[in-house]
Amino acid sequence: MFFLIVVSLVFVAISWWVARLGNAVGYLGVAFFGLGLVVVVIKLLPQSSSA
């Protein structure tokens, strides 16, 4: 789980950097990989993955 958090944070940082350089596609990357962070946090909640 820690690996997913780190990878998502790295991609969010790279996408943010691309967006700050003036490329609007970077914001799409921030949104997409930021959503990945939200999913990881939800999976860390107790009983979030039990049926």
C-alpha atoms as a PDB file:
ATOM      1  CA  MET A   1       0.000   0.000   0.000  1.00  0.00           C
ATOM      2  CA  PHE A   2       2.892   2.329   0.810  1.00  0.00           C
ATOM      3  CA  PHE A   3       4.236   1.796  -2.704  1.00  0.00           C
ATOM      4  CA  LEU A   4       0.947   2.990  -4.263  1.00  0.00           C
ATOM      5  CA  ILE A   5       0.971   6.127  -2.131  1.00  0.00           C
ATOM      6  CA  VAL A   6       4.548   6.967  -3.075  1.00  0.00           C
ATOM      7  CA  VAL A   7       4.025   6.299  -6.784  1.00  0.00           C
ATOM      8  CA  SER A   8       0.827   8.352  -6.865  1.00  0.00           C
ATOM      9  CA  LEU A   9       2.511  11.237  -5.057  1.00  0.00           C
ATOM     10  CA  VAL A  10       5.432  11.150  -7.492  1.00  0.00           C
ATOM     11  CA  PHE A  11       3.103  11.238 -10.488  1.00  0.00           C
ATOM     12  CA  VAL A  12       1.032  14.041  -8.943  1.00  0.00           C
ATOM     13  CA  ALA A  13       4.224  16.039  -8.403  1.00  0.00           C
ATOM     14  CA  ILE A  14       5.405  15.442 -11.974  1.00  0.00           C
ATOM     15  CA  SER A  15       1.986  16.338 -13.370  1.00  0.00           C
ATOM     16  CA  TRP A  16       1.873  19.489 -11.254  1.00  0.00           C
ATOM     17  CA  TRP A  17       5.312  20.473 -12.556  1.00  0.00           C
ATOM     18  CA  VAL A  18       4.156  19.900 -16.154  1.00  0.00           C
ATOM     19  CA  ALA A  19       1.043  21.996 -15.490  1.00  0.00           C
ATOM     20  CA  ARG A  20       3.132  24.806 -14.014  1.00  0.00           C
ATOM     21  CA  LEU A  21       5.222  24.851 -17.201  1.00  0.00           C
ATOM     22  CA  GLY A  22       2.081  25.851 -19.070  1.00  0.00           C
ATOM     23  CA  ASN A  23       0.821  22.539 -20.366  1.00  0.00           C
ATOM     24  CA  ALA A  24      -2.850  22.098 -19.433  1.00  0.00           C
ATOM     25  CA  VAL A  25      -2.591  18.303 -19.755  1.00  0.00           C
ATOM     26  CA  GLY A  26      -0.667  18.357 -16.472  1.00  0.00           C
ATOM     27  CA  TYR A  27      -3.870  19.232 -14.625  1.00  0.00           C
ATOM     28  CA  LEU A  28      -5.475  16.107 -16.051  1.00  0.00           C
ATOM     29  CA  GLY A  29      -2.606  14.074 -14.598  1.00  0.00           C
ATOM     30  CA  VAL A  30      -2.974  15.789 -11.223  1.00  0.00           C
ATOM     31  CA  ALA A  31      -6.681  14.955 -11.171  1.00  0.00           C
ATOM     32  CA  PHE A  32      -6.179  11.347 -12.283  1.00  0.00           C
ATOM     33  CA  PHE A  33      -3.332  10.464  -9.924  1.00  0.00           C
ATOM     34  CA  GLY A  34      -4.889  12.511  -7.128  1.00  0.00           C
ATOM     35  CA  LEU A  35      -7.940  10.290  -7.473  1.00  0.00           C
ATOM     36  CA  GLY A  36      -5.590   7.343  -7.068  1.00  0.00           C
ATOM     37  CA  LEU A  37      -4.520   8.772  -3.723  1.00  0.00           C
ATOM     38  CA  VAL A  38      -8.155   9.109  -2.668  1.00  0.00           C
ATOM     39  CA  VAL A  39      -8.773   5.450  -3.535  1.00  0.00           C
ATOM     40  CA  VAL A  40      -5.739   4.327  -1.529  1.00  0.00           C
ATOM     41  CA  VAL A  41      -6.902   6.326   1.485  1.00  0.00           C
ATOM     42  CA  ILE A  42     -10.387   4.800   1.227  1.00  0.00           C
ATOM     43  CA  LYS A  43      -8.850   1.315   1.052  1.00  0.00           C
ATOM     44  CA  LEU A  44      -6.975   2.051   4.286  1.00  0.00           C
ATOM     45  CA  LEU A  45     -10.215   2.678   6.158  1.00  0.00           C
ATOM     46  CA  PRO A  46     -11.365  -0.204   8.347  1.00  0.00           C
ATOM     47  CA  GLN A  47     -13.832  -2.571   6.694  1.00  0.00           C
ATOM     48  CA  SER A  48     -13.769  -0.678   3.389  1.00  0.00           C
ATOM     49  CA  SER A  49     -13.018  -3.765   1.364  1.00  0.00           C
ATOM     50  CA  SER A  50     -15.108  -6.366   3.133  1.00  0.00           C
ATOM     51  CA  ALA A  51     -18.222  -7.713   1.459  1.00  0.00           C
END
